[in-house]
Amino acid sequence: MINIHKSKDDQFYFTITAKNGKVIVTSETYKKKPSAFKGIVSLLRTLALEMVFNEEETQMNYKIKDHTLSKAIKSQK
């Protein structure tokens, strides 16, 4: 799960939480909330590219669904 938080100094950051509730990623801070959304989209795009690259190298069957990135991009608007 990806969540956006507001820090004590009124900046924004996001965290990624595993199913067990443990925070596994904490982003840098952003001055504006839309910038934090852009950071999430950038991370998702990078992960998607890495998965495609790994699929080609290892012949594993990773499937990236286009609607995942589309939803993230639409949610930042």
C-alpha atoms as a PDB file:
ATOM      1  CA  MET A   1       0.000   0.000   0.000  1.00  0.00           C
ATOM      2  CA  ILE A   2       1.268   3.483  -0.837  1.00  0.00           C
ATOM      3  CA  ASN A   3       0.374   6.359   1.499  1.00  0.00           C
ATOM      4  CA  ILE A   4       1.202  10.058   1.447  1.00  0.00           C
ATOM      5  CA  HIS A   5       2.001  11.746   4.753  1.00  0.00           C
ATOM      6  CA  LYS A   6       2.619  15.310   5.883  1.00  0.00           C
ATOM      7  CA  SER A   7       5.767  15.903   7.920  1.00  0.00           C
ATOM      8  CA  LYS A   8       6.099  18.199  10.938  1.00  0.00           C
ATOM      9  CA  ASP A   9       7.635  20.876   8.715  1.00  0.00           C
ATOM     10  CA  ASP A  10       4.618  20.772   6.352  1.00  0.00           C
ATOM     11  CA  GLN A  11       6.343  18.819   3.597  1.00  0.00           C
ATOM     12  CA  PHE A  12       5.019  15.626   2.027  1.00  0.00           C
ATOM     13  CA  TYR A  13       6.481  12.153   1.677  1.00  0.00           C
ATOM     14  CA  PHE A  14       5.187   8.733   0.798  1.00  0.00           C
ATOM     15  CA  THR A  15       5.638   5.320   2.295  1.00  0.00           C
ATOM     16  CA  ILE A  16       5.110   1.854   0.911  1.00  0.00           C
ATOM     17  CA  THR A  17       3.784  -0.643   3.425  1.00  0.00           C
ATOM     18  CA  ALA A  18       3.954  -4.429   3.050  1.00  0.00           C
ATOM     19  CA  LYS A  19       0.932  -6.633   3.704  1.00  0.00           C
ATOM     20  CA  ASN A  20       2.277  -7.365   7.193  1.00  0.00           C
ATOM     21  CA  GLY A  21       2.122  -3.643   8.040  1.00  0.00           C
ATOM     22  CA  LYS A  22       5.876  -3.024   7.920  1.00  0.00           C
ATOM     23  CA  VAL A  23       6.996   0.142   6.120  1.00  0.00           C
ATOM     24  CA  ILE A  24       9.439  -0.981   3.457  1.00  0.00           C
ATOM     25  CA  VAL A  25      10.029   2.337   1.627  1.00  0.00           C
ATOM     26  CA  THR A  26      10.049   5.940   2.800  1.00  0.00           C
ATOM     27  CA  SER A  27      10.545   8.628   0.160  1.00  0.00           C
ATOM     28  CA  GLU A  28      12.373  11.888   0.312  1.00  0.00           C
ATOM     29  CA  THR A  29      10.281  14.923   1.291  1.00  0.00           C
ATOM     30  CA  TYR A  30       8.522  17.141  -1.215  1.00  0.00           C
ATOM     31  CA  LYS A  31       7.385  20.736  -0.729  1.00  0.00           C
ATOM     32  CA  LYS A  32       4.041  20.139  -2.473  1.00  0.00           C
ATOM     33  CA  LYS A  33       1.663  17.185  -2.440  1.00  0.00           C
ATOM     34  CA  PRO A  34       1.491  16.923  -6.267  1.00  0.00           C
ATOM     35  CA  SER A  35       5.267  16.490  -6.270  1.00  0.00           C
ATOM     36  CA  ALA A  36       4.907  13.498  -3.944  1.00  0.00           C
ATOM     37  CA  PHE A  37       2.373  12.002  -6.387  1.00  0.00           C
ATOM     38  CA  LYS A  38       4.873  12.526  -9.204  1.00  0.00           C
ATOM     39  CA  GLY A  39       7.480  10.718  -7.102  1.00  0.00           C
ATOM     40  CA  ILE A  40       5.119   7.756  -6.731  1.00  0.00           C
ATOM     41  CA  VAL A  41       4.430   7.662 -10.469  1.00  0.00           C
ATOM     42  CA  SER A  42       8.159   7.831 -11.181  1.00  0.00           C
ATOM     43  CA  LEU A  43       8.772   4.931  -8.812  1.00  0.00           C
ATOM     44  CA  LEU A  44       5.995   2.857 -10.410  1.00  0.00           C
ATOM     45  CA  ARG A  45       7.351   3.529 -13.893  1.00  0.00           C
ATOM     46  CA  THR A  46      10.859   2.535 -12.811  1.00  0.00           C
ATOM     47  CA  LEU A  47       9.566  -0.668 -11.237  1.00  0.00           C
ATOM     48  CA  ALA A  48       7.568  -1.493 -14.362  1.00  0.00           C
ATOM     49  CA  LEU A  49      10.639  -1.003 -16.552  1.00  0.00           C
ATOM     50  CA  GLU A  50      12.755  -3.145 -14.224  1.00  0.00           C
ATOM     51  CA  MET A  51      10.174  -5.930 -14.317  1.00  0.00           C
ATOM     52  CA  VAL A  52      10.068  -5.855 -18.121  1.00  0.00           C
ATOM     53  CA  PHE A  53      13.873  -5.873 -18.250  1.00  0.00           C
ATOM     54  CA  ASN A  54      14.026  -8.799 -15.830  1.00  0.00           C
ATOM     55  CA  GLU A  55      11.417 -10.678 -17.858  1.00  0.00           C
ATOM     56  CA  GLU A  56      13.532 -10.401 -20.977  1.00  0.00           C
ATOM     57  CA  GLU A  57      16.675 -11.496 -19.139  1.00  0.00           C
ATOM     58  CA  THR A  58      15.276 -14.353 -17.090  1.00  0.00           C
ATOM     59  CA  GLN A  59      12.292 -15.396 -19.220  1.00  0.00           C
ATOM     60  CA  MET A  60      10.039 -15.153 -16.166  1.00  0.00           C
ATOM     61  CA  ASN A  61       6.407 -14.279 -16.736  1.00  0.00           C
ATOM     62  CA  TYR A  62       5.978 -10.870 -15.142  1.00  0.00           C
ATOM     63  CA  LYS A  63       2.876  -9.072 -16.297  1.00  0.00           C
ATOM     64  CA  ILE A  64       2.492  -5.334 -15.906  1.00  0.00           C
ATOM     65  CA  LYS A  65      -1.058  -4.092 -16.197  1.00  0.00           C
ATOM     66  CA  ASP A  66      -1.299  -0.725 -17.932  1.00  0.00           C
ATOM     67  CA  HIS A  67      -4.198   0.374 -15.747  1.00  0.00           C
ATOM     68  CA  THR A  68      -1.940   0.391 -12.652  1.00  0.00           C
ATOM     69  CA  LEU A  69       0.189   3.216 -14.033  1.00  0.00           C
ATOM     70  CA  SER A  70      -2.829   4.925 -15.586  1.00  0.00           C
ATOM     71  CA  LYS A  71      -4.608   5.033 -12.219  1.00  0.00           C
ATOM     72  CA  ALA A  72      -1.499   6.463 -10.538  1.00  0.00           C
ATOM     73  CA  ILE A  73      -1.119   9.139 -13.199  1.00  0.00           C
ATOM     74  CA  LYS A  74      -4.811  10.091 -13.043  1.00  0.00           C
ATOM     75  CA  SER A  75      -4.761  10.281  -9.238  1.00  0.00           C
ATOM     76  CA  GLN A  76      -2.059  12.959  -9.279  1.00  0.00           C
ATOM     77  CA  LYS A  77      -4.248  15.377 -11.236  1.00  0.00           C
END
